[in-house]
Amino acid sequence: MPVVSISMPADLIERLDALTAEHDYTGRSEVVREGVRTLLGEFENDRLEGRELAGIVSVLYDFGTQSVERRLTQLRHDHEEHVASTLHGHVDDYCLELFVLEADLETISQFVGRVRSTEDVQTVDYSLLALDSVGQLRDVTSSS
């Protein structure tokens, strides 16, 4: 198996090591492989392909991080035809930005990917609902 070297902050490594020990993984590599497989498969849901979706994307970042605020504003403008609404709030020492999108799976996937790649973003979560089946709970997909 090829070896891949990655960099991450010390606190993230500590959390990774704790998760590895707590869940009896054989090592960091096994946890990282599982995480990558999960991330890659996240938007490969055939049930949602070609369907109009409502997506809620939540973004948490440190209060006052202007670079993140600028990036999220730019993303909102870049996707204005798909962003139905946004909400900005404060939770503890963090900013919480919520985006409501109406788009297909590929567009929402691209949006989430661009948010996740934004430096200094702490967490990104999303939830999807196929609009052609509102009321049928089996079509709700959640992930973080």
Protein backbone atom coordinates (compact mmCIF):
# COMPACT_ATOMS: atom_id res chain seq x y z
CA MET A 1 0.00 0.00 0.00
CA PRO A 2 1.46 3.43 -0.89
CA VAL A 3 2.32 5.75 2.00
CA VAL A 4 0.76 9.23 2.10
CA SER A 5 2.11 11.94 4.39
CA ILE A 6 -0.35 14.51 5.75
CA SER A 7 -0.06 17.51 8.04
CA MET A 8 -2.55 18.38 10.75
CA PRO A 9 -2.66 20.46 13.92
CA ALA A 10 -1.50 18.82 17.15
CA ASP A 11 -4.98 18.98 18.73
CA LEU A 12 -6.45 17.10 15.76
CA ILE A 13 -3.76 14.42 16.08
CA GLU A 14 -4.61 14.06 19.78
CA ARG A 15 -8.29 13.60 18.91
CA LEU A 16 -7.36 11.11 16.18
CA ASP A 17 -5.22 9.11 18.62
CA ALA A 18 -8.00 9.12 21.23
CA LEU A 19 -10.52 7.89 18.67
CA THR A 20 -8.07 5.22 17.50
CA ALA A 21 -7.60 3.90 21.04
CA GLU A 22 -11.23 4.24 22.12
CA HIS A 23 -12.57 2.26 19.16
CA ASP A 24 -9.75 -0.31 18.97
CA TYR A 25 -8.48 0.69 15.52
CA THR A 26 -5.11 -0.80 14.61
CA GLY A 27 -3.66 2.67 14.01
CA ARG A 28 -4.10 6.16 12.63
CA SER A 29 -3.96 4.94 9.04
CA GLU A 30 -7.03 2.76 9.49
CA VAL A 31 -9.03 5.68 10.89
CA VAL A 32 -7.89 8.02 8.12
CA ARG A 33 -8.72 5.43 5.41
CA GLU A 34 -12.21 4.99 6.87
CA GLY A 35 -12.71 8.75 7.00
CA VAL A 36 -11.60 9.18 3.38
CA ARG A 37 -13.89 6.37 2.20
CA THR A 38 -16.79 7.99 4.05
CA LEU A 39 -16.05 11.41 2.59
CA LEU A 40 -15.68 10.06 -0.96
CA GLY A 41 -18.92 8.08 -0.73
CA GLU A 42 -20.85 10.87 0.92
CA PHE A 43 -22.35 12.28 -2.26
CA GLU A 44 -22.40 9.05 -4.24
CA ASN A 45 -25.99 8.35 -3.32
CA ASP A 46 -27.80 7.08 -6.43
CA ARG A 47 -31.21 7.67 -4.79
CA LEU A 48 -30.61 11.42 -4.98
CA GLU A 49 -29.06 11.69 -8.46
CA GLY A 50 -31.10 13.76 -10.89
CA ARG A 51 -33.55 14.93 -8.25
CA GLU A 52 -34.19 18.45 -7.02
CA LEU A 53 -33.03 18.70 -3.43
CA ALA A 54 -33.31 21.02 -0.48
CA GLY A 55 -30.07 21.18 1.43
CA ILE A 56 -29.25 22.73 4.78
CA VAL A 57 -25.55 23.41 5.27
CA SER A 58 -24.27 24.53 8.67
CA VAL A 59 -20.82 26.04 9.10
CA LEU A 60 -19.12 26.70 12.44
CA TYR A 61 -16.02 28.90 12.77
CA ASP A 62 -14.29 31.07 15.36
CA PHE A 63 -15.96 34.41 16.04
CA GLY A 64 -14.32 37.27 14.20
CA THR A 65 -12.52 35.21 11.56
CA GLN A 66 -12.97 37.69 8.74
CA SER A 67 -11.32 35.50 6.11
CA VAL A 68 -14.03 32.86 6.62
CA GLU A 69 -16.78 35.50 6.60
CA ARG A 70 -15.48 36.88 3.28
CA ARG A 71 -15.20 33.41 1.77
CA LEU A 72 -18.73 32.42 2.82
CA THR A 73 -20.11 35.70 1.46
CA GLN A 74 -18.36 35.02 -1.85
CA LEU A 75 -19.75 31.48 -1.96
CA ARG A 76 -23.25 32.80 -1.26
CA HIS A 77 -22.92 35.21 -4.18
CA ASP A 78 -21.40 32.55 -6.46
CA HIS A 79 -24.41 30.28 -5.77
CA GLU A 80 -27.10 32.93 -5.41
CA GLU A 81 -29.43 31.14 -7.83
CA HIS A 82 -29.38 28.12 -5.47
CA VAL A 83 -29.20 29.77 -2.03
CA ALA A 84 -32.77 30.18 -0.82
CA SER A 85 -31.74 31.77 2.49
CA THR A 86 -28.94 32.20 5.00
CA LEU A 87 -28.81 32.76 8.73
CA HIS A 88 -25.87 33.98 10.79
CA GLY A 89 -25.80 33.47 14.54
CA HIS A 90 -23.43 33.26 17.49
CA VAL A 91 -22.97 30.20 19.67
CA ASP A 92 -20.48 30.55 22.52
CA ASP A 93 -17.28 31.92 20.91
CA TYR A 94 -18.26 30.75 17.44
CA CYS A 95 -20.16 31.99 14.43
CA LEU A 96 -22.74 29.63 12.98
CA GLU A 97 -23.74 30.16 9.37
CA LEU A 98 -26.72 28.25 7.94
CA PHE A 99 -27.37 28.01 4.21
CA VAL A 100 -30.59 26.69 2.70
CA LEU A 101 -29.98 25.53 -0.87
CA GLU A 102 -32.32 24.33 -3.58
CA ALA A 103 -30.32 22.47 -6.23
CA ASP A 104 -29.25 19.11 -7.58
CA LEU A 105 -26.80 16.78 -5.82
CA GLU A 106 -23.77 17.89 -7.84
CA THR A 107 -24.33 21.58 -7.08
CA ILE A 108 -24.84 20.99 -3.36
CA SER A 109 -21.79 18.70 -3.31
CA GLN A 110 -19.65 21.39 -4.92
CA PHE A 111 -20.93 23.99 -2.46
CA VAL A 112 -20.19 21.78 0.57
CA GLY A 113 -16.76 20.93 -0.83
CA ARG A 114 -15.88 24.59 -1.27
CA VAL A 115 -17.02 25.37 2.28
CA ARG A 116 -15.04 22.43 3.70
CA SER A 117 -11.91 23.58 1.89
CA THR A 118 -12.13 27.01 3.50
CA GLU A 119 -9.27 27.56 5.93
CA ASP A 120 -10.28 28.11 9.60
CA VAL A 121 -13.72 26.50 9.25
CA GLN A 122 -14.22 24.26 12.31
CA THR A 123 -17.09 22.02 11.15
CA VAL A 124 -19.45 21.64 8.22
CA ASP A 125 -22.62 19.56 8.45
CA TYR A 126 -25.43 19.14 5.96
CA SER A 127 -28.81 17.54 5.54
CA LEU A 128 -30.55 16.75 2.24
CA LEU A 129 -34.20 16.21 1.36
CA ALA A 130 -35.52 15.18 -2.05
CA LEU A 131 -38.23 17.73 -2.85
CA ASP A 132 -40.28 15.32 -4.94
CA SER A 133 -40.88 13.16 -1.88
CA VAL A 134 -41.59 15.66 0.87
CA GLY A 135 -43.30 13.83 3.69
CA GLN A 136 -41.55 10.54 3.03
CA LEU A 137 -38.90 10.27 5.73
CA ARG A 138 -37.04 7.54 3.87
CA ASP A 139 -35.63 10.20 1.51
CA VAL A 140 -33.87 12.21 4.20
CA THR A 141 -30.09 11.89 4.24
CA SER A 142 -27.84 13.37 6.94
CA SER A 143 -24.10 13.46 7.31
CA SER A 144 -21.28 15.39 8.92
